[in-house]
Amino acid sequence: MPGELLAIAWKEKPRQPMVLAQAATISVDKGLAGDSRGAIEGRQVTIVFAEDWAAACADLGAEPDWTARRANLLVRGLANPRAPGGVVRIGDVRLEITEETEPCSVMDKQMKGLRKALKPDWRAGVSTRVLSGGAIRVGDAVSLEG
């Protein structure tokens, strides 16, 4: 059963506020259009899974907006594979999981204790590289290949 793309966000520069959108374009060379990290090999697009975010919030005892995680995509109903190599598909877009997205000190600047709450079980999400680009929209089906 496919998951669903709940939200899309990017930041134009590091440490800038996240920009939310209903639709976006992802490309092989630039990742998510407008995102400052889109050209970084192996970390072009980051994905956080809503169920993992909810578990982190439960541990935190608070419910900050998902953009505090500073990931690009929020997906619901698809289990985090917690391993590199799988491919996340959103329409024509294919994103290869390269690694766990390590929660950094910026997380604690967003909310005290957030970094620790995101650390277990890949709760901070996954980093990906773009295999094939295209347009995405909130509400799109999301599936996992491999």
N, C-alpha and C. Protein backbone atom coordinates (compact mmCIF):
# COMPACT_ATOMS: atom_id res chain seq x y z
N MET A 1 0.85 -1.19 0.00
CA MET A 1 0.00 0.00 0.00
C MET A 1 0.89 1.24 0.00
N PRO A 2 0.66 2.17 -0.91
CA PRO A 2 1.52 3.35 -0.99
C PRO A 2 1.28 4.32 0.17
N GLY A 3 2.32 5.11 0.43
CA GLY A 3 2.20 6.20 1.38
C GLY A 3 1.72 7.44 0.66
N GLU A 4 1.77 8.57 1.35
CA GLU A 4 1.30 9.83 0.79
C GLU A 4 2.28 10.95 1.12
N LEU A 5 2.54 11.79 0.15
CA LEU A 5 3.37 12.98 0.37
C LEU A 5 2.52 14.03 1.06
N LEU A 6 2.85 14.31 2.33
CA LEU A 6 2.06 15.25 3.13
C LEU A 6 2.51 16.69 2.97
N ALA A 7 3.83 16.90 2.76
CA ALA A 7 4.33 18.27 2.72
C ALA A 7 5.67 18.33 1.99
N ILE A 8 5.96 19.51 1.47
CA ILE A 8 7.20 19.81 0.75
C ILE A 8 7.76 21.10 1.32
N ALA A 9 9.08 21.11 1.56
CA ALA A 9 9.72 22.32 2.09
C ALA A 9 11.17 22.38 1.64
N TRP A 10 11.71 23.58 1.60
CA TRP A 10 13.13 23.78 1.30
C TRP A 10 13.59 25.06 1.96
N LYS A 11 14.91 25.20 1.99
CA LYS A 11 15.50 26.44 2.49
C LYS A 11 16.46 26.96 1.43
N GLU A 12 16.37 28.25 1.14
CA GLU A 12 17.19 28.85 0.09
C GLU A 12 18.65 28.94 0.48
N LYS A 13 18.92 29.07 1.79
CA LYS A 13 20.29 29.12 2.31
C LYS A 13 20.31 28.37 3.63
N PRO A 14 21.49 27.83 4.03
CA PRO A 14 21.55 27.17 5.33
C PRO A 14 21.06 28.09 6.44
N ARG A 15 20.36 27.50 7.39
CA ARG A 15 19.83 28.18 8.57
C ARG A 15 18.74 29.21 8.27
N GLN A 16 18.28 29.27 7.04
CA GLN A 16 17.16 30.14 6.69
C GLN A 16 15.85 29.43 7.04
N PRO A 17 14.77 30.18 7.18
CA PRO A 17 13.46 29.55 7.42
C PRO A 17 13.08 28.62 6.26
N MET A 18 12.32 27.59 6.59
CA MET A 18 11.84 26.66 5.57
C MET A 18 10.71 27.31 4.79
N VAL A 19 10.69 27.06 3.50
CA VAL A 19 9.65 27.54 2.60
C VAL A 19 8.75 26.34 2.27
N LEU A 20 7.47 26.46 2.56
CA LEU A 20 6.52 25.40 2.27
C LEU A 20 5.91 25.59 0.89
N ALA A 21 5.61 24.47 0.23
CA ALA A 21 5.00 24.54 -1.10
C ALA A 21 4.03 23.39 -1.28
N GLN A 22 3.07 23.56 -2.15
CA GLN A 22 2.13 22.51 -2.51
C GLN A 22 2.68 21.63 -3.63
N ALA A 23 3.63 22.18 -4.39
CA ALA A 23 4.21 21.45 -5.51
C ALA A 23 5.66 21.90 -5.69
N ALA A 24 6.45 21.05 -6.32
CA ALA A 24 7.86 21.39 -6.56
C ALA A 24 8.39 20.53 -7.69
N THR A 25 9.58 20.90 -8.14
CA THR A 25 10.28 20.14 -9.16
C THR A 25 11.57 19.59 -8.56
N ILE A 26 11.87 18.35 -8.88
CA ILE A 26 13.10 17.71 -8.44
C ILE A 26 13.89 17.35 -9.69
N SER A 27 15.20 17.65 -9.68
CA SER A 27 16.04 17.33 -10.83
C SER A 27 17.30 16.59 -10.38
N VAL A 28 17.89 15.85 -11.29
CA VAL A 28 19.09 15.07 -11.01
C VAL A 28 20.25 15.97 -10.61
N ASP A 29 20.38 17.12 -11.23
CA ASP A 29 21.54 17.98 -10.95
C ASP A 29 21.35 18.93 -9.78
N LYS A 30 20.10 19.31 -9.46
CA LYS A 30 19.89 20.31 -8.40
C LYS A 30 19.00 19.85 -7.26
N GLY A 31 18.55 18.60 -7.28
CA GLY A 31 17.68 18.12 -6.21
C GLY A 31 16.35 18.86 -6.23
N LEU A 32 15.86 19.22 -5.05
CA LEU A 32 14.60 19.95 -4.94
C LEU A 32 14.85 21.40 -5.33
N ALA A 33 14.12 21.88 -6.32
CA ALA A 33 14.31 23.25 -6.82
C ALA A 33 14.20 24.25 -5.68
N GLY A 34 15.20 25.13 -5.57
CA GLY A 34 15.21 26.17 -4.56
C GLY A 34 15.94 25.81 -3.29
N ASP A 35 16.24 24.51 -3.08
CA ASP A 35 16.89 24.10 -1.84
C ASP A 35 18.40 24.27 -1.93
N SER A 36 18.98 24.81 -0.87
CA SER A 36 20.42 25.10 -0.85
C SER A 36 21.28 23.84 -0.85
N ARG A 37 20.74 22.70 -0.47
CA ARG A 37 21.54 21.48 -0.40
C ARG A 37 21.32 20.55 -1.59
N GLY A 38 20.56 20.97 -2.57
CA GLY A 38 20.17 20.10 -3.67
C GLY A 38 21.28 19.56 -4.53
N ALA A 39 22.43 20.22 -4.55
CA ALA A 39 23.54 19.75 -5.38
C ALA A 39 24.52 18.88 -4.60
N ILE A 40 24.29 18.68 -3.30
CA ILE A 40 25.20 17.89 -2.47
C ILE A 40 25.02 16.41 -2.79
N GLU A 41 26.07 15.78 -3.29
CA GLU A 41 26.03 14.37 -3.66
C GLU A 41 25.60 13.51 -2.48
N GLY A 42 24.60 12.67 -2.69
CA GLY A 42 24.14 11.76 -1.66
C GLY A 42 23.17 12.36 -0.66
N ARG A 43 22.97 13.68 -0.74
CA ARG A 43 22.03 14.32 0.20
C ARG A 43 21.21 15.39 -0.52
N GLN A 44 20.76 15.06 -1.71
CA GLN A 44 20.04 16.03 -2.52
C GLN A 44 18.65 16.33 -1.99
N VAL A 45 17.96 15.30 -1.51
CA VAL A 45 16.61 15.45 -0.99
C VAL A 45 16.53 14.64 0.31
N THR A 46 16.00 15.26 1.36
CA THR A 46 15.84 14.54 2.63
C THR A 46 14.36 14.28 2.88
N ILE A 47 14.10 13.13 3.48
CA ILE A 47 12.72 12.69 3.73
C ILE A 47 12.59 12.34 5.21
N VAL A 48 11.55 12.83 5.83
CA VAL A 48 11.20 12.42 7.19
C VAL A 48 9.84 11.72 7.10
N PHE A 49 9.69 10.66 7.88
CA PHE A 49 8.47 9.86 7.87
C PHE A 49 7.58 10.30 9.04
N ALA A 50 6.34 10.58 8.77
CA ALA A 50 5.42 11.15 9.76
C ALA A 50 5.33 10.29 11.03
N GLU A 51 5.36 8.99 10.88
CA GLU A 51 5.27 8.11 12.04
C GLU A 51 6.52 8.24 12.92
N ASP A 52 7.69 8.38 12.31
CA ASP A 52 8.93 8.59 13.07
C ASP A 52 8.92 9.95 13.75
N TRP A 53 8.41 10.96 13.03
CA TRP A 53 8.32 12.30 13.60
C TRP A 53 7.41 12.29 14.83
N ALA A 54 6.28 11.57 14.72
CA ALA A 54 5.34 11.48 15.85
C ALA A 54 5.99 10.80 17.05
N ALA A 55 6.79 9.76 16.81
CA ALA A 55 7.49 9.07 17.91
C ALA A 55 8.50 10.01 18.57
N ALA A 56 9.21 10.79 17.78
CA ALA A 56 10.17 11.75 18.33
C ALA A 56 9.44 12.80 19.16
N CYS A 57 8.31 13.29 18.66
CA CYS A 57 7.53 14.30 19.39
C CYS A 57 7.01 13.72 20.71
N ALA A 58 6.61 12.45 20.69
CA ALA A 58 6.13 11.81 21.93
C ALA A 58 7.25 11.76 22.96
N ASP A 59 8.46 11.40 22.53
CA ASP A 59 9.61 11.39 23.44
C ASP A 59 9.94 12.79 23.94
N LEU A 60 9.77 13.75 23.07
CA LEU A 60 10.06 15.14 23.39
C LEU A 60 9.01 15.75 24.33
N GLY A 61 7.80 15.21 24.26
CA GLY A 61 6.70 15.75 25.06
C GLY A 61 6.19 17.06 24.50
N ALA A 62 6.39 17.26 23.21
CA ALA A 62 5.94 18.47 22.52
C ALA A 62 5.68 18.13 21.07
N GLU A 63 4.97 19.02 20.37
CA GLU A 63 4.67 18.78 18.96
C GLU A 63 5.08 19.97 18.10
N PRO A 64 6.38 20.17 17.91
CA PRO A 64 6.79 21.25 17.01
C PRO A 64 6.38 20.92 15.58
N ASP A 65 6.28 21.93 14.76
CA ASP A 65 5.98 21.72 13.35
C ASP A 65 7.07 20.86 12.73
N TRP A 66 6.71 20.01 11.79
CA TRP A 66 7.67 19.10 11.16
C TRP A 66 8.83 19.85 10.51
N THR A 67 8.64 21.11 10.15
CA THR A 67 9.73 21.85 9.51
C THR A 67 10.88 22.13 10.47
N ALA A 68 10.66 21.94 11.76
CA ALA A 68 11.77 22.05 12.71
C ALA A 68 12.83 21.00 12.40
N ARG A 69 12.44 19.89 11.79
CA ARG A 69 13.38 18.85 11.38
C ARG A 69 14.23 19.31 10.19
N ARG A 70 13.73 20.26 9.42
CA ARG A 70 14.44 20.86 8.29
C ARG A 70 14.67 19.88 7.14
N ALA A 71 13.76 18.93 7.01
CA ALA A 71 13.79 17.99 5.89
C ALA A 71 12.99 18.56 4.73
N ASN A 72 13.15 17.97 3.55
CA ASN A 72 12.46 18.45 2.36
C ASN A 72 11.06 17.89 2.19
N LEU A 73 10.90 16.61 2.52
CA LEU A 73 9.62 15.94 2.26
C LEU A 73 9.13 15.26 3.53
N LEU A 74 7.82 15.35 3.77
CA LEU A 74 7.17 14.64 4.87
C LEU A 74 6.24 13.60 4.25
N VAL A 75 6.46 12.34 4.60
CA VAL A 75 5.72 11.23 4.02
C VAL A 75 4.97 10.49 5.13
N ARG A 76 3.72 10.12 4.86
CA ARG A 76 2.92 9.35 5.82
C ARG A 76 2.54 8.01 5.20
N GLY A 77 2.49 6.97 6.06
CA GLY A 77 1.97 5.68 5.61
C GLY A 77 2.97 4.81 4.89
N LEU A 78 4.23 5.16 4.92
CA LEU A 78 5.30 4.37 4.31
C LEU A 78 6.35 4.17 5.39
N ALA A 79 6.69 2.93 5.67
CA ALA A 79 7.66 2.64 6.72
C ALA A 79 9.05 3.10 6.30
N ASN A 80 9.75 3.74 7.20
CA ASN A 80 11.14 4.13 6.98
C ASN A 80 11.95 2.84 6.83
N PRO A 81 12.64 2.65 5.70
CA PRO A 81 13.37 1.39 5.49
C PRO A 81 14.61 1.24 6.38
N ARG A 82 15.09 2.35 6.95
CA ARG A 82 16.23 2.34 7.86
C ARG A 82 17.44 1.61 7.29
N ALA A 83 17.67 1.78 5.99
CA ALA A 83 18.83 1.17 5.33
C ALA A 83 19.06 1.88 4.00
N PRO A 84 20.31 2.04 3.61
CA PRO A 84 20.58 2.61 2.30
C PRO A 84 20.24 1.62 1.19
N GLY A 85 20.04 2.14 -0.01
CA GLY A 85 19.86 1.30 -1.19
C GLY A 85 18.46 1.24 -1.74
N GLY A 86 17.45 1.42 -0.92
CA GLY A 86 16.08 1.40 -1.43
C GLY A 86 15.81 2.65 -2.26
N VAL A 87 14.76 2.61 -3.03
CA VAL A 87 14.39 3.73 -3.89
C VAL A 87 12.97 4.18 -3.54
N VAL A 88 12.84 5.45 -3.20
CA VAL A 88 11.55 6.05 -2.92
C VAL A 88 11.02 6.63 -4.23
N ARG A 89 9.79 6.29 -4.58
CA ARG A 89 9.19 6.75 -5.83
C ARG A 89 7.99 7.65 -5.54
N ILE A 90 8.00 8.81 -6.21
CA ILE A 90 6.88 9.74 -6.15
C ILE A 90 6.59 10.12 -7.61
N GLY A 91 5.59 9.50 -8.21
CA GLY A 91 5.34 9.73 -9.63
C GLY A 91 6.54 9.29 -10.45
N ASP A 92 7.05 10.18 -11.29
CA ASP A 92 8.24 9.88 -12.10
C ASP A 92 9.54 10.05 -11.32
N VAL A 93 9.48 10.65 -10.15
CA VAL A 93 10.67 10.92 -9.35
C VAL A 93 11.11 9.65 -8.63
N ARG A 94 12.41 9.35 -8.75
CA ARG A 94 12.99 8.21 -8.05
C ARG A 94 14.17 8.71 -7.24
N LEU A 95 14.14 8.43 -5.93
CA LEU A 95 15.15 8.91 -4.98
C LEU A 95 15.81 7.71 -4.30
N GLU A 96 17.10 7.54 -4.51
CA GLU A 96 17.83 6.43 -3.89
C GLU A 96 18.27 6.83 -2.49
N ILE A 97 17.94 6.00 -1.51
CA ILE A 97 18.33 6.26 -0.13
C ILE A 97 19.83 6.00 0.00
N THR A 98 20.57 7.03 0.43
CA THR A 98 22.02 6.91 0.56
C THR A 98 22.47 6.70 2.00
N GLU A 99 21.72 7.26 2.95
CA GLU A 99 22.14 7.16 4.35
C GLU A 99 21.05 7.70 5.27
N GLU A 100 21.26 7.45 6.55
CA GLU A 100 20.44 8.07 7.58
C GLU A 100 20.77 9.55 7.62
N THR A 101 19.78 10.39 7.80
CA THR A 101 20.03 11.81 8.00
C THR A 101 20.32 11.99 9.49
N GLU A 102 21.55 12.29 9.81
CA GLU A 102 21.95 12.47 11.21
C GLU A 102 21.39 13.77 11.76
N PRO A 103 20.69 13.71 12.90
CA PRO A 103 20.22 14.96 13.51
C PRO A 103 21.44 15.74 14.02
N CYS A 104 21.46 17.03 13.76
CA CYS A 104 22.62 17.85 14.12
C CYS A 104 22.25 18.87 15.21
N SER A 105 23.22 19.67 15.57
CA SER A 105 23.02 20.66 16.64
C SER A 105 21.93 21.68 16.30
N VAL A 106 21.66 21.87 15.02
CA VAL A 106 20.60 22.80 14.62
C VAL A 106 19.25 22.34 15.17
N MET A 107 19.09 21.02 15.33
CA MET A 107 17.82 20.50 15.86
C MET A 107 17.56 21.06 17.26
N ASP A 108 18.59 21.12 18.10
CA ASP A 108 18.40 21.65 19.45
C ASP A 108 18.19 23.16 19.45
N LYS A 109 18.60 23.84 18.40
CA LYS A 109 18.30 25.26 18.27
C LYS A 109 16.83 25.46 17.92
N GLN A 110 16.26 24.46 17.24
CA GLN A 110 14.83 24.51 16.91
C GLN A 110 13.99 24.27 18.17
N MET A 111 14.40 23.25 18.95
CA MET A 111 13.72 22.93 20.20
C MET A 111 14.66 22.08 21.05
N LYS A 112 14.84 22.48 22.27
CA LYS A 112 15.73 21.75 23.18
C LYS A 112 15.29 20.29 23.29
N GLY A 113 16.24 19.38 23.10
CA GLY A 113 15.98 17.95 23.19
C GLY A 113 15.57 17.29 21.88
N LEU A 114 15.34 18.08 20.83
CA LEU A 114 14.89 17.51 19.55
C LEU A 114 15.93 16.57 18.95
N ARG A 115 17.19 16.95 19.02
CA ARG A 115 18.26 16.11 18.46
C ARG A 115 18.24 14.72 19.09
N LYS A 116 18.15 14.65 20.40
CA LYS A 116 18.13 13.37 21.11
C LYS A 116 16.88 12.56 20.74
N ALA A 117 15.74 13.22 20.63
CA ALA A 117 14.49 12.54 20.29
C ALA A 117 14.52 11.97 18.88
N LEU A 118 15.30 12.59 17.98
CA LEU A 118 15.38 12.13 16.59
C LEU A 118 16.43 11.04 16.38
N LYS A 119 17.31 10.85 17.33
CA LYS A 119 18.45 9.95 17.15
C LYS A 119 18.08 8.47 16.98
N PRO A 120 17.18 7.89 17.79
CA PRO A 120 16.91 6.44 17.66
C PRO A 120 16.22 6.08 16.34
N ASP A 121 16.53 4.89 15.85
CA ASP A 121 15.76 4.27 14.76
C ASP A 121 15.60 5.12 13.50
N TRP A 122 16.59 5.91 13.17
CA TRP A 122 16.56 6.73 11.94
C TRP A 122 15.38 7.71 11.93
N ARG A 123 14.91 8.14 13.10
CA ARG A 123 13.75 9.04 13.17
C ARG A 123 13.97 10.36 12.44
N ALA A 124 15.22 10.77 12.28
CA ALA A 124 15.49 12.03 11.57
C ALA A 124 15.29 11.88 10.07
N GLY A 125 15.08 10.64 9.61
CA GLY A 125 14.78 10.42 8.21
C GLY A 125 15.95 9.91 7.41
N VAL A 126 15.80 10.03 6.09
CA VAL A 126 16.81 9.52 5.16
C VAL A 126 17.26 10.63 4.21
N SER A 127 18.50 10.48 3.77
CA SER A 127 19.04 11.34 2.73
C SER A 127 19.02 10.54 1.43
N THR A 128 18.80 11.24 0.33
CA THR A 128 18.68 10.54 -0.95
C THR A 128 19.46 11.28 -2.05
N ARG A 129 19.72 10.54 -3.10
CA ARG A 129 20.22 11.15 -4.33
C ARG A 129 19.17 10.92 -5.40
N VAL A 130 19.04 11.87 -6.30
CA VAL A 130 18.00 11.82 -7.31
C VAL A 130 18.44 10.93 -8.47
N LEU A 131 17.66 9.89 -8.74
CA LEU A 131 17.90 9.02 -9.90
C LEU A 131 17.16 9.52 -11.13
N SER A 132 15.93 10.00 -10.90
CA SER A 132 15.17 10.61 -12.00
C SER A 132 14.27 11.69 -11.41
N GLY A 133 14.19 12.79 -12.12
CA GLY A 133 13.46 13.94 -11.64
C GLY A 133 12.06 14.04 -12.19
N GLY A 134 11.39 15.12 -11.79
CA GLY A 134 10.04 15.38 -12.25
C GLY A 134 9.32 16.29 -11.28
N ALA A 135 8.03 16.43 -11.50
CA ALA A 135 7.19 17.28 -10.66
C ALA A 135 6.55 16.44 -9.56
N ILE A 136 6.45 17.02 -8.36
CA ILE A 136 5.76 16.38 -7.25
C ILE A 136 4.74 17.35 -6.69
N ARG A 137 3.74 16.80 -6.02
CA ARG A 137 2.68 17.62 -5.45
C ARG A 137 2.22 16.96 -4.14
N VAL A 138 1.89 17.79 -3.16
CA VAL A 138 1.32 17.29 -1.92
C VAL A 138 0.11 16.42 -2.26
N GLY A 139 0.02 15.26 -1.64
CA GLY A 139 -1.06 14.32 -1.92
C GLY A 139 -0.64 13.19 -2.86
N ASP A 140 0.54 13.32 -3.50
CA ASP A 140 1.02 12.26 -4.38
C ASP A 140 1.26 10.98 -3.60
N ALA A 141 1.07 9.84 -4.28
CA ALA A 141 1.37 8.54 -3.72
C ALA A 141 2.89 8.38 -3.66
N VAL A 142 3.37 7.72 -2.59
CA VAL A 142 4.80 7.47 -2.39
C VAL A 142 4.96 5.99 -2.14
N SER A 143 5.92 5.36 -2.85
CA SER A 143 6.16 3.93 -2.66
C SER A 143 7.66 3.66 -2.55
N LEU A 144 7.99 2.46 -2.14
CA LEU A 144 9.38 2.06 -1.97
C LEU A 144 9.69 0.90 -2.91
N GLU A 145 10.76 1.04 -3.67
CA GLU A 145 11.23 -0.02 -4.56
C GLU A 145 12.44 -0.69 -3.91
N GLY A 146 12.54 -1.99 -4.03
CA GLY A 146 13.74 -2.70 -3.57
C GLY A 146 13.93 -2.81 -2.11
